[in-house]
Amino acid sequence: MNHEFTPTILIHLAAALAALGLGAAVFLRRKGTSVHRVLGRAWVGLMLVTAISTYWIRTSGGFSWIHGLSVISLAALAWAVYLALTGNIRRHQRVMKALYFGALIVAGAFTLLPQRLLGHALWSSFGLI
């Protein structure tokens, strides 16, 4: 594999992993508290870094379908914040859960495929590819 872990990829990876951990903590804590709001804002910030940094991560110079997912993530983040601010908490919760699952769990699982940079590094370190 001829790709490297560039600073942009490392920033993207660090923000995504931090969002994964912080998001889990937010889901496990009591909702509606000032701590929930502070942690939620931090999570949104990490997700913004994760989504925006993808635009500097490209193979062969172009954008891919994955960049389209970043557009969806950015729109969903804005929608979820709007829902929270306007008091539509049930929908806010649904959008945040969908974002966590789709943007972090599902997209993260795809990064572990052997042909992807992170997946290749992981599986080859175990001697499996």
Protein backbone atom coordinates (compact mmCIF):
# COMPACT_ATOMS: atom_id res chain seq x y z
CA MET A 1 0.00 0.00 0.00
CA ASN A 2 1.52 3.30 -1.05
CA HIS A 3 -0.43 5.68 1.19
CA GLU A 4 0.91 7.16 4.41
CA PHE A 5 -0.52 8.37 7.67
CA THR A 6 -0.38 12.07 6.83
CA PRO A 7 -1.01 14.74 9.50
CA THR A 8 -4.54 15.17 8.11
CA ILE A 9 -5.25 11.45 8.41
CA LEU A 10 -3.88 11.43 11.95
CA ILE A 11 -6.07 14.43 12.90
CA HIS A 12 -9.09 12.71 11.33
CA LEU A 13 -8.35 9.46 13.14
CA ALA A 14 -7.72 11.13 16.50
CA ALA A 15 -10.94 13.17 16.27
CA ALA A 16 -12.98 10.11 15.22
CA LEU A 17 -11.59 7.94 18.04
CA ALA A 18 -12.13 10.71 20.59
CA ALA A 19 -15.71 11.19 19.30
CA LEU A 20 -16.29 7.45 19.58
CA GLY A 21 -15.26 7.43 23.24
CA LEU A 22 -16.86 10.73 24.20
CA GLY A 23 -20.09 9.83 22.41
CA ALA A 24 -20.34 6.61 24.39
CA ALA A 25 -19.84 8.58 27.61
CA VAL A 26 -22.55 11.07 26.62
CA PHE A 27 -24.99 8.24 25.88
CA LEU A 28 -24.30 6.62 29.25
CA ARG A 29 -24.69 9.81 31.31
CA ARG A 30 -27.86 11.51 32.45
CA LYS A 31 -29.40 13.74 29.76
CA GLY A 32 -30.30 17.41 30.01
CA THR A 33 -27.66 18.35 32.56
CA SER A 34 -25.07 21.06 32.11
CA VAL A 35 -22.40 18.32 31.88
CA HIS A 36 -24.39 16.67 29.10
CA ARG A 37 -24.50 19.95 27.20
CA VAL A 38 -20.75 20.59 27.59
CA LEU A 39 -19.85 17.03 26.56
CA GLY A 40 -22.34 17.20 23.69
CA ARG A 41 -20.79 20.40 22.38
CA ALA A 42 -17.34 18.83 22.58
CA TRP A 43 -18.66 15.79 20.69
CA VAL A 44 -20.13 18.00 17.97
CA GLY A 45 -16.76 19.76 17.68
CA LEU A 46 -14.95 16.44 17.31
CA MET A 47 -17.45 15.32 14.69
CA LEU A 48 -16.97 18.57 12.79
CA VAL A 49 -13.21 17.98 12.72
CA THR A 50 -13.77 14.37 11.67
CA ALA A 51 -16.16 15.25 8.83
CA ILE A 52 -14.36 18.35 7.54
CA SER A 53 -10.93 16.70 7.57
CA THR A 54 -12.15 14.11 5.04
CA TYR A 55 -12.02 16.77 2.32
CA TRP A 56 -8.22 16.76 2.57
CA ILE A 57 -8.05 12.97 2.47
CA ARG A 58 -8.33 11.84 -1.14
CA THR A 59 -7.02 9.04 -3.26
CA SER A 60 -5.94 9.85 -6.82
CA GLY A 61 -6.85 13.51 -6.29
CA GLY A 62 -10.63 13.19 -6.39
CA PHE A 63 -13.55 12.91 -4.07
CA SER A 64 -15.35 9.62 -3.47
CA TRP A 65 -18.73 8.53 -2.15
CA ILE A 66 -17.26 8.70 1.35
CA HIS A 67 -17.04 12.49 0.99
CA GLY A 68 -20.78 12.48 0.36
CA LEU A 69 -21.22 10.85 3.75
CA SER A 70 -19.33 13.76 5.26
CA VAL A 71 -21.86 16.17 3.74
CA ILE A 72 -24.67 14.12 5.29
CA SER A 73 -22.87 14.07 8.64
CA LEU A 74 -22.39 17.84 8.62
CA ALA A 75 -26.05 18.41 7.76
CA ALA A 76 -27.17 15.94 10.44
CA LEU A 77 -24.97 17.64 13.05
CA ALA A 78 -26.50 21.03 12.22
CA TRP A 79 -30.01 19.52 12.30
CA ALA A 80 -29.40 17.78 15.65
CA VAL A 81 -28.11 21.00 17.24
CA TYR A 82 -31.11 22.91 15.88
CA LEU A 83 -33.47 20.27 17.29
CA ALA A 84 -31.86 20.52 20.73
CA LEU A 85 -31.97 24.31 20.72
CA THR A 86 -35.64 24.35 19.75
CA GLY A 87 -36.58 21.77 22.37
CA ASN A 88 -37.35 18.86 20.06
CA ILE A 89 -35.42 16.46 22.29
CA ARG A 90 -36.84 13.16 20.98
CA ARG A 91 -35.80 13.94 17.40
CA HIS A 92 -32.48 15.33 18.65
CA GLN A 93 -31.80 12.02 20.39
CA ARG A 94 -32.71 10.00 17.30
CA VAL A 95 -30.46 12.06 15.03
CA MET A 96 -27.55 11.89 17.47
CA LYS A 97 -27.90 8.12 17.83
CA ALA A 98 -28.06 7.72 14.05
CA LEU A 99 -24.97 9.91 13.65
CA TYR A 100 -23.04 7.96 16.26
CA PHE A 101 -23.96 4.64 14.72
CA GLY A 102 -23.68 5.63 11.05
CA ALA A 103 -20.81 8.09 11.05
CA LEU A 104 -18.65 6.39 13.67
CA ILE A 105 -19.57 2.71 14.01
CA VAL A 106 -20.48 1.83 10.40
CA ALA A 107 -18.00 4.16 8.72
CA GLY A 108 -15.35 3.08 11.23
CA ALA A 109 -15.97 -0.57 10.37
CA PHE A 110 -15.39 0.22 6.70
CA THR A 111 -11.99 1.70 7.54
CA LEU A 112 -10.96 -1.73 8.82
CA LEU A 113 -11.30 -3.34 5.40
CA PRO A 114 -7.89 -4.65 4.24
CA GLN A 115 -7.74 -2.37 1.17
CA ARG A 116 -8.20 0.78 3.29
CA LEU A 117 -5.17 2.50 4.86
CA LEU A 118 -6.03 1.84 8.50
CA GLY A 119 -7.33 -1.66 7.86
CA HIS A 120 -4.23 -2.55 5.85
CA ALA A 121 -1.95 -1.27 8.62
CA LEU A 122 -3.92 -3.16 11.27
CA TRP A 123 -4.25 -6.51 9.49
CA SER A 124 -0.67 -6.53 8.20
CA SER A 125 0.61 -5.81 11.73
CA PHE A 126 -1.09 -9.06 12.77
CA GLY A 127 0.46 -10.81 9.77
CA LEU A 128 -2.95 -11.55 8.28
CA ILE A 129 -2.31 -9.84 4.93
